[in-house]
Protein backbone atom coordinates (compact mmCIF):
# COMPACT_ATOMS: atom_id res chain seq x y z
CA MET A 1 0.00 0.00 0.00
CA GLY A 2 1.34 3.44 -0.90
CA ALA A 3 1.91 6.00 1.81
CA VAL A 4 -0.92 8.48 2.39
CA THR A 5 -0.43 11.91 3.81
CA ALA A 6 -2.59 13.44 6.53
CA ASP A 7 -4.85 15.09 3.92
CA GLY A 8 -5.33 11.82 2.01
CA ARG A 9 -2.72 12.37 -0.73
CA SER A 10 -0.62 9.51 -2.11
CA GLU A 11 3.15 10.00 -1.69
CA ASP A 12 3.88 7.66 -4.61
CA ASN A 13 1.96 9.32 -7.49
CA PRO A 14 2.42 13.06 -8.14
CA ARG A 15 -0.54 13.09 -10.56
CA GLU A 16 -2.77 11.52 -7.94
CA ILE A 17 -1.49 14.04 -5.46
CA GLY A 18 -2.59 16.87 -7.71
CA GLU A 19 -6.00 15.36 -8.41
CA LEU A 20 -6.73 14.72 -4.75
CA ALA A 21 -5.56 18.21 -3.82
CA ALA A 22 -7.90 19.71 -6.40
CA ILE A 23 -10.81 17.62 -5.10
CA VAL A 24 -10.16 18.75 -1.55
CA LYS A 25 -9.70 22.37 -2.55
CA TYR A 26 -12.81 22.69 -4.68
CA SER A 27 -15.10 20.39 -2.75
CA GLU A 28 -18.43 21.86 -1.60
CA ASP A 29 -18.08 19.83 1.57
CA ALA A 30 -15.76 20.76 4.42
CA ILE A 31 -12.84 18.27 4.49
CA ILE A 32 -10.75 18.23 7.65
CA SER A 33 -7.83 16.05 8.68
CA LYS A 34 -6.78 15.56 12.28
CA THR A 35 -4.49 13.45 14.39
CA LEU A 36 -5.81 10.70 16.60
CA ASP A 37 -5.59 13.23 19.45
CA GLY A 38 -7.96 15.56 17.65
CA ILE A 39 -5.42 18.13 16.43
CA ILE A 40 -6.43 19.64 13.08
CA THR A 41 -3.81 19.18 10.34
CA THR A 42 -5.64 20.27 7.17
CA TRP A 43 -8.58 22.60 6.56
CA ASN A 44 -10.00 23.15 3.07
CA PRO A 45 -11.75 26.31 1.73
CA ALA A 46 -15.21 24.77 2.25
CA ALA A 47 -14.34 24.29 5.94
CA GLU A 48 -13.39 27.97 6.13
CA ARG A 49 -16.78 28.95 4.68
CA LEU A 50 -18.70 26.55 6.90
CA PHE A 51 -17.02 27.26 10.24
CA GLY A 52 -15.70 30.82 9.76
CA TYR A 53 -12.08 29.96 10.69
CA SER A 54 -9.29 30.40 8.19
CA ALA A 55 -6.77 27.55 7.79
CA ASP A 56 -4.09 29.69 9.49
CA GLN A 57 -6.37 30.29 12.47
CA ILE A 58 -7.25 26.66 13.16
CA ILE A 59 -4.57 24.28 11.86
CA GLY A 60 -2.66 22.95 14.86
CA LYS A 61 -5.65 23.60 17.14
CA SER A 62 -7.93 21.03 18.73
CA THR A 63 -11.23 20.04 17.15
CA ASP A 64 -12.76 21.10 20.45
CA LEU A 65 -13.06 24.57 18.88
CA VAL A 66 -15.83 23.33 16.55
CA VAL A 67 -17.41 20.76 18.86
CA PRO A 68 -20.01 21.80 21.48
CA GLU A 69 -19.09 20.80 25.03
CA ASP A 70 -21.99 18.38 25.28
CA GLN A 71 -20.76 16.53 22.15
CA ALA A 72 -17.22 15.87 23.48
CA GLY A 73 -18.10 12.32 24.50
CA GLN A 74 -19.36 11.54 21.01
CA THR A 75 -16.13 12.87 19.47
CA ASN A 76 -14.02 10.61 21.73
CA ASP A 77 -16.15 7.60 20.77
CA LEU A 78 -15.71 8.37 17.05
CA LEU A 79 -11.93 8.66 17.40
CA ALA A 80 -11.90 5.36 19.26
CA ARG A 81 -13.67 3.71 16.34
CA ILE A 82 -11.15 5.25 13.92
CA ARG A 83 -8.23 3.88 16.00
CA ALA A 84 -9.88 0.48 15.61
CA GLY A 85 -9.74 0.90 11.83
CA GLN A 86 -13.46 1.46 11.31
CA GLN A 87 -14.94 3.86 8.82
CA VAL A 88 -17.73 5.96 10.28
CA GLY A 89 -20.46 7.08 7.90
CA HIS A 90 -23.29 9.58 8.16
CA VAL A 91 -23.11 10.53 11.81
CA GLU A 92 -25.73 13.13 12.67
CA THR A 93 -24.38 15.60 15.21
CA ILE A 94 -23.98 19.28 16.12
CA ARG A 95 -21.07 21.59 15.33
CA VAL A 96 -20.27 25.18 16.30
CA ARG A 97 -19.01 28.07 14.16
CA LYS A 98 -16.45 30.71 15.04
CA ASP A 99 -19.24 33.18 15.87
CA GLY A 100 -20.72 30.74 18.38
CA THR A 101 -23.73 29.65 16.33
CA VAL A 102 -24.44 25.95 16.23
CA PHE A 103 -25.77 23.95 13.30
CA PRO A 104 -26.69 20.34 12.52
CA ALA A 105 -23.97 18.46 10.67
CA SER A 106 -23.54 15.13 8.96
CA LEU A 107 -20.09 13.51 9.32
CA THR A 108 -18.29 10.80 7.37
CA ILE A 109 -14.97 9.83 8.95
CA SER A 110 -12.24 7.59 7.51
CA PRO A 111 -8.88 6.46 8.97
CA ILE A 112 -5.60 7.87 7.55
CA TYR A 113 -2.73 5.38 7.22
CA ASP A 114 1.01 6.00 6.97
CA ALA A 115 3.38 4.08 4.68
CA ASP A 116 3.50 1.16 7.10
CA GLY A 117 -0.27 0.86 7.26
CA THR A 118 -0.49 2.36 10.71
CA ILE A 119 -3.48 4.60 11.46
CA VAL A 120 -2.11 8.05 12.14
CA GLY A 121 -5.17 10.23 11.89
CA ALA A 122 -8.68 10.72 10.55
CA SER A 123 -10.19 12.50 7.57
CA THR A 124 -13.62 13.98 8.15
CA ILE A 125 -16.14 15.21 5.59
CA VAL A 126 -18.57 17.64 7.18
CA ARG A 127 -21.86 18.64 5.55
CA ASP A 128 -24.15 21.34 6.80
CA ALA A 129 -27.43 19.49 7.45
CA THR A 130 -29.42 22.62 8.32
CA ALA A 131 -31.63 22.55 5.21
CA ARG A 132 -32.25 18.82 5.52
CA VAL A 133 -32.98 19.05 9.23
CA GLU A 134 -35.31 22.00 8.71
CA ALA A 135 -37.12 20.08 5.99
CA TYR A 136 -37.32 17.05 8.27
CA GLU A 137 -38.59 19.13 11.16
CA ALA A 138 -41.21 20.76 8.93
CA ALA A 139 -42.29 17.33 7.72
CA ARG A 140 -42.28 16.04 11.29
CA THR A 141 -44.44 18.96 12.38
CA MET A 142 -46.96 18.12 9.69
CA ILE A 143 -46.83 14.46 10.68
CA GLU A 144 -47.44 15.29 14.33
CA ALA A 145 -50.21 17.73 13.41
CA SER A 146 -52.02 15.03 11.43
CA GLN A 147 -55.22 13.64 12.93
CA ASP A 148 -54.47 10.35 11.19
CA SER A 149 -52.42 7.65 12.88
CA LEU A 150 -49.10 7.51 10.99
CA VAL A 151 -46.53 4.73 11.52
CA VAL A 152 -43.41 3.37 9.89
CA ILE A 153 -43.21 -0.43 9.91
CA SER A 154 -40.03 -2.41 9.45
CA ALA A 155 -39.63 -5.43 7.17
CA GLN A 156 -40.16 -7.54 10.30
CA GLY A 157 -43.57 -5.96 10.90
CA ARG A 158 -42.50 -3.87 13.89
CA ILE A 159 -43.19 -0.17 14.42
CA SER A 160 -40.09 1.94 13.97
CA ASP A 161 -41.76 5.36 14.25
CA ALA A 162 -45.19 6.72 15.16
CA ASN A 163 -46.88 10.10 15.54
CA GLU A 164 -48.89 11.51 18.42
CA ALA A 165 -52.20 10.52 16.83
CA THR A 166 -51.06 6.89 17.07
CA VAL A 167 -50.30 7.37 20.74
CA LYS A 168 -53.80 8.76 21.31
CA VAL A 169 -55.69 6.11 19.37
CA THR A 170 -53.80 3.22 21.04
CA GLY A 171 -53.21 4.73 24.49
CA ILE A 172 -49.62 3.43 24.27
CA PRO A 173 -46.66 5.79 24.85
CA ARG A 174 -44.38 6.33 21.87
CA GLN A 175 -41.41 4.61 23.54
CA GLU A 176 -43.52 1.47 23.97
CA LEU A 177 -44.91 1.61 20.45
CA ILE A 178 -41.42 1.66 18.96
CA GLY A 179 -40.41 -1.95 18.46
CA MET A 180 -43.80 -3.57 19.06
CA LEU A 181 -45.60 -5.58 16.40
CA PHE A 182 -47.82 -3.42 14.22
CA SER A 183 -50.53 -6.10 14.18
CA ASP A 184 -50.80 -6.06 17.99
CA CYS A 185 -52.56 -2.67 17.78
CA PHE A 186 -55.63 -4.19 16.10
CA THR A 187 -58.55 -6.37 17.17
CA ASP A 188 -57.75 -8.78 14.34
CA PRO A 189 -53.94 -9.16 14.19
CA GLN A 190 -54.14 -11.74 11.42
CA LYS A 191 -56.11 -9.39 9.18
CA ALA A 192 -53.67 -6.55 9.94
CA ASN A 193 -50.77 -8.83 8.99
CA GLU A 194 -52.49 -9.75 5.73
CA VAL A 195 -52.76 -6.08 4.81
CA TYR A 196 -49.13 -5.48 5.77
CA GLU A 197 -47.99 -8.43 3.65
CA LYS A 198 -50.13 -7.23 0.77
CA VAL A 199 -48.32 -3.88 0.86
CA PHE A 200 -44.94 -5.58 0.68
CA ALA A 201 -46.14 -7.77 -2.20
CA GLN A 202 -48.01 -5.14 -4.22
CA GLY A 203 -46.37 -1.90 -3.12
CA MET A 204 -49.46 -0.34 -1.59
CA ALA A 205 -52.88 -0.88 -0.02
CA GLY A 206 -55.78 1.56 -0.01
CA GLU A 207 -58.93 2.05 2.05
CA TYR A 208 -58.55 -1.22 3.94
CA PRO A 209 -60.89 -1.40 6.98
CA LEU A 210 -59.39 -2.38 10.33
CA THR A 211 -60.26 -1.85 13.99
CA ILE A 212 -57.68 -0.35 16.37
CA ARG A 213 -57.88 -1.36 20.01
CA HIS A 214 -57.09 1.26 22.67
CA ARG A 215 -55.31 0.14 25.82
CA ASP A 216 -58.49 0.94 27.80
CA GLY A 217 -60.47 -1.54 25.69
CA SER A 218 -62.28 0.94 23.46
CA VAL A 219 -62.05 0.45 19.70
CA ARG A 220 -61.91 2.77 16.72
CA GLU A 221 -62.76 1.91 13.13
CA VAL A 222 -60.07 3.01 10.67
CA LEU A 223 -59.32 2.93 6.96
CA TYR A 224 -55.76 1.78 6.42
CA ASN A 225 -53.66 3.17 3.56
CA ALA A 226 -50.04 2.19 3.11
CA THR A 227 -47.15 2.24 0.70
CA VAL A 228 -43.64 0.83 0.72
CA HIS A 229 -40.55 2.95 1.34
CA ARG A 230 -37.62 2.05 -0.88
CA GLY A 231 -33.91 2.72 -0.62
CA ALA A 232 -31.73 4.33 -3.28
CA ARG A 233 -31.41 1.01 -5.15
CA GLY A 234 -35.11 0.23 -4.99
CA LYS A 235 -34.92 -2.21 -2.10
CA VAL A 236 -38.00 -2.13 0.11
CA LEU A 237 -36.92 -0.82 3.48
CA ALA A 238 -40.20 -0.31 5.31
CA VAL A 239 -43.90 0.41 5.05
CA PHE A 240 -45.40 3.83 5.69
CA ALA A 241 -48.98 3.45 6.91
CA ALA A 242 -51.75 5.95 7.60
CA SER A 243 -54.89 4.95 9.47
CA ARG A 244 -57.84 7.35 9.27
CA ASP A 245 -60.40 7.19 12.07
CA VAL A 246 -63.80 6.63 10.46
CA THR A 247 -65.68 5.65 13.61
CA GLU A 248 -68.01 8.67 13.51
CA LEU A 249 -68.40 8.31 9.76
CA ASN A 250 -69.32 4.65 10.13
CA GLN A 251 -71.77 5.51 12.89
CA ALA A 252 -73.34 8.12 10.64
CA LEU A 253 -73.52 5.57 7.83
CA VAL A 254 -75.16 3.05 10.14
CA ALA A 255 -77.68 5.67 11.23
CA ALA A 256 -78.36 6.61 7.62
CA ARG A 257 -78.68 2.94 6.69
CA SER A 258 -81.15 2.43 9.54
CA MET A 259 -83.27 5.28 8.23
CA ILE A 260 -83.11 3.86 4.71
CA GLU A 261 -84.12 0.41 5.91
CA SER A 262 -86.94 1.80 8.05
CA SER A 263 -88.44 3.63 5.06
CA LEU A 264 -91.73 2.26 3.73
CA ASP A 265 -90.77 3.52 0.27
CA SER A 266 -88.80 1.31 -2.08
CA LEU A 267 -85.31 2.87 -2.31
CA VAL A 268 -82.71 1.79 -4.86
CA ALA A 269 -79.38 2.99 -6.22
CA ILE A 270 -78.96 2.42 -9.95
CA SER A 271 -75.74 2.38 -11.95
CA PRO A 272 -75.29 4.31 -15.22
CA GLU A 273 -75.91 0.95 -16.92
CA GLY A 274 -79.35 0.73 -15.35
CA ARG A 275 -78.53 -1.99 -12.85
CA ILE A 276 -79.39 -2.00 -9.16
CA THR A 277 -76.34 -1.47 -6.93
CA ASP A 278 -78.11 -1.09 -3.57
CA LEU A 279 -81.62 -1.26 -2.15
CA ASN A 280 -83.62 -1.38 1.06
CA GLU A 281 -85.90 -4.00 2.60
CA ALA A 282 -89.01 -2.27 1.25
CA THR A 283 -87.77 -3.09 -2.28
CA VAL A 284 -87.41 -6.75 -1.33
CA LYS A 285 -90.99 -6.77 -0.05
CA VAL A 286 -92.57 -5.02 -3.04
CA THR A 287 -90.78 -7.28 -5.56
CA GLY A 288 -90.57 -10.52 -3.59
CA VAL A 289 -86.99 -10.90 -4.81
CA PRO A 290 -84.10 -11.47 -2.32
CA ARG A 291 -81.53 -8.67 -1.97
CA GLU A 292 -78.68 -10.73 -3.39
CA GLN A 293 -80.68 -11.38 -6.58
CA LEU A 294 -81.76 -7.75 -6.91
CA ILE A 295 -78.16 -6.51 -6.78
CA GLY A 296 -76.84 -6.40 -10.32
CA SER A 297 -80.21 -6.99 -11.99
CA ALA A 298 -81.83 -4.54 -14.42
CA PHE A 299 -83.95 -1.91 -12.64
CA SER A 300 -86.64 -1.97 -15.34
CA ASP A 301 -87.31 -5.72 -14.92
CA TYR A 302 -89.53 -5.10 -11.88
CA PHE A 303 -92.16 -2.99 -13.64
CA THR A 304 -95.12 -3.96 -15.78
CA ASP A 305 -93.85 -1.60 -18.46
CA PRO A 306 -90.02 -1.94 -18.62
CA ALA A 307 -89.79 0.47 -21.56
CA LYS A 308 -91.58 3.17 -19.59
CA ALA A 309 -89.34 2.53 -16.56
CA ASN A 310 -86.26 2.84 -18.77
CA ALA A 311 -87.59 6.05 -20.30
CA ILE A 312 -87.90 7.60 -16.83
CA TYR A 313 -84.45 6.37 -15.87
CA GLU A 314 -82.97 7.96 -18.98
CA LEU A 315 -84.92 11.15 -18.24
CA VAL A 316 -83.24 11.36 -14.84
CA PHE A 317 -79.78 11.07 -16.39
CA ALA A 318 -80.69 13.70 -18.98
CA GLN A 319 -82.40 16.23 -16.68
CA GLY A 320 -80.97 15.32 -13.27
CA MET A 321 -84.25 14.30 -11.66
CA ALA A 322 -87.81 13.01 -12.10
CA VAL A 323 -90.79 13.78 -9.84
CA ASP A 324 -94.00 11.81 -9.17
CA TYR A 325 -93.76 9.68 -12.26
CA PRO A 326 -96.41 6.88 -12.16
CA LEU A 327 -95.32 3.27 -12.64
CA THR A 328 -96.59 -0.18 -11.69
CA MET A 329 -94.29 -2.61 -9.90
CA ARG A 330 -94.77 -6.34 -10.28
CA HIS A 331 -94.28 -8.73 -7.34
CA ARG A 332 -92.87 -12.17 -8.04
CA ASP A 333 -96.30 -13.66 -7.15
CA GLY A 334 -98.03 -11.43 -9.72
CA THR A 335 -99.31 -8.78 -7.31
CA LEU A 336 -99.15 -5.26 -8.71
CA THR A 337 -98.28 -2.14 -6.78
CA GLU A 338 -98.93 1.35 -8.08
CA VAL A 339 -96.07 3.71 -7.28
CA LEU A 340 -94.99 7.30 -7.79
CA TYR A 341 -91.37 7.33 -8.88
CA ASN A 342 -89.01 10.11 -7.71
CA ALA A 343 -85.32 10.07 -8.59
CA SER A 344 -82.18 12.18 -8.88
CA VAL A 345 -78.59 11.62 -9.93
CA TYR A 346 -75.77 11.50 -7.39
CA HIS A 347 -72.14 12.53 -7.96
CA ASP A 348 -68.66 11.88 -6.63
CA ALA A 349 -66.46 14.61 -5.10
CA GLY A 350 -65.35 15.65 -8.58
CA GLY A 351 -68.91 16.11 -9.84
CA ARG A 352 -68.94 12.96 -11.99
CA VAL A 353 -72.36 11.27 -12.11
CA LEU A 354 -72.13 7.90 -10.38
CA GLY A 355 -75.72 6.78 -10.73
CA VAL A 356 -79.35 7.39 -9.83
CA PHE A 357 -81.00 7.25 -6.42
CA ALA A 358 -84.69 6.38 -6.81
CA ALA A 359 -87.62 6.27 -4.38
CA ALA A 360 -90.89 4.57 -5.31
CA ARG A 361 -93.85 5.40 -3.05
CA ASP A 362 -96.69 2.89 -2.90
CA VAL A 363 -99.86 4.75 -3.90
CA THR A 364 -102.01 1.67 -4.56
CA ALA A 365 -104.50 2.59 -1.81
CA GLN A 366 -104.73 6.15 -3.08
CA VAL A 367 -105.21 4.95 -6.65
CA GLN A 368 -107.89 2.51 -5.51
CA ALA A 369 -109.58 5.25 -3.50
CA GLN A 370 -109.47 7.61 -6.46
CA THR A 371 -110.87 4.86 -8.71
CA LEU A 372 -113.70 4.28 -6.23
CA ILE A 373 -114.45 7.99 -6.12
CA VAL A 374 -114.54 8.13 -9.90
CA GLU A 375 -116.89 5.14 -10.01
CA GLN A 376 -119.14 6.69 -7.37
CA GLN A 377 -119.17 9.96 -9.28
CA ALA A 378 -120.13 8.11 -12.46
CA MET A 379 -122.95 6.31 -10.65
CA ALA A 380 -124.17 9.60 -9.20
CA LEU A 381 -124.17 11.18 -12.64
CA ASP A 382 -126.15 8.27 -14.04
CA ARG A 383 -128.72 8.54 -11.22
CA LEU A 384 -128.98 12.28 -11.74
CA ALA A 385 -129.65 11.72 -15.43
CA GLU A 386 -132.40 9.24 -14.56
CA LEU A 387 -133.96 11.67 -12.10
CA GLU A 388 -133.81 14.46 -14.62
CA GLN A 389 -135.52 12.26 -17.19
CA PHE A 390 -138.19 11.21 -14.70
CA ASN A 391 -138.68 14.80 -13.70
CA ARG A 392 -139.14 15.74 -17.30
CA LEU A 393 -141.78 12.96 -17.70
CA ALA A 394 -143.57 13.90 -14.50
CA VAL A 395 -143.67 17.57 -15.40
CA GLY A 396 -145.04 16.66 -18.84
CA ARG A 397 -147.94 14.65 -17.33
CA GLU A 398 -148.76 17.49 -14.97
CA LEU A 399 -148.87 19.94 -17.82
CA LYS A 400 -151.16 17.64 -19.79
CA MET A 401 -153.53 17.33 -16.80
CA ILE A 402 -153.65 21.08 -16.50
CA GLU A 403 -154.43 21.43 -20.19
CA LEU A 404 -157.18 18.79 -19.91
CA LYS A 405 -158.75 20.58 -16.98
CA LYS A 406 -158.66 23.83 -18.90
CA GLU A 407 -160.36 22.13 -21.89
CA ILE A 408 -163.12 20.71 -19.66
CA GLU A 409 -163.75 24.09 -18.11
CA HIS A 410 -163.89 25.66 -21.54
CA LEU A 411 -166.51 23.14 -22.71
CA ARG A 412 -168.58 23.74 -19.61
CA GLU A 413 -168.54 27.41 -20.24
CA LEU A 414 -169.71 26.87 -23.82
CA LEU A 415 -172.61 24.65 -22.72
CA ALA A 416 -173.64 27.09 -20.08
CA ALA A 417 -173.68 29.86 -22.62
CA ASN A 418 -175.94 27.78 -24.81
CA GLY A 419 -178.31 27.08 -21.92
CA THR A 420 -177.47 23.45 -21.87
CA ARG A 421 -176.36 21.67 -18.79
CA PRO A 422 -174.01 18.76 -19.01
CA SER A 423 -176.74 16.46 -17.55
CA ASP A 424 -179.19 17.35 -20.32
CA GLN A 425 -176.81 16.11 -22.97
CA ARG A 426 -177.06 12.65 -21.54
């Protein structure tokens, strides 16, 4: 092995010496060499810019000048590892500038060997990690501010990080969460493991329902979304999972479902293709068809006039709604039910039409009552016509009797005028 100087230059190859010197000089990273006692031997221009000391001011001085007092123990440990011939990479620490300001730094430290292969010092690359730390802290702030439970899960299925929302929903302190099995936080660990394995196999999982158990025994319904985290070479390192609490939403859905099921009206959801996607118990009763058979069947098949039902359905898609449209539903046993059909389209968050929500109100009794009223009115009109005809006949007879009486009186008057009594004519 060729001899290497304190600043990493080869003593055997002048060209290499020049190349390495240029790299050190023009590097954007601070490159510092020091003895195993921590005495600085080289200091490149980037180190001058980062720390504020010129090479003349700091070469020959102890690294204690740029190390905060509370980090001295870490520095001694790092030098001990260098003496053992270890390379130390990406150590996150704190350093101090000439003006006293401190900043986060990332260190990579390598041993320096002499011509005999003896470790004589250490070469340190120092990078200002301020921007990265600030970005991390900003991201961490957002993570901690999230109402969703956020966790990082190792390839072994154990939690390696968690936010405050996870602490709240589980009732387990962060220090206890770190290292525990992710699946142990759920009422169904096997199901949680299946989701976790699915993420590793497929890269992600979305809207997967699980139930988190709190330490006090209470449970919360969540929707689990996760994706894998990969390293620079694409290797899967961990899973990042977000669990959104949907307990209140589910309770609201259950309440809404209860109202839907308690409705006496037939309620159905219809796809753009005209097929039933959901329905309530009233629809089962009015058709006599089980729910599982109704789902996926054509909406128009349950009416006496499918073409008319389809025309209304298409009207809803064209105009957005239909109101009090009369139809007749057919039960499986042949019974007919008169209904008034009301419907409107429903949309997703982006405004895209997803389907039609339809309500059919049973108006059979009203229709029968109206039919009865019409029949009674017809009968009454017929009776009135008869009475009017009878009245006309009766009035005619009365008029004829009056005329006859008048004729008799007239004849009597004529006879009297002629001096003849009616009895004499006999």
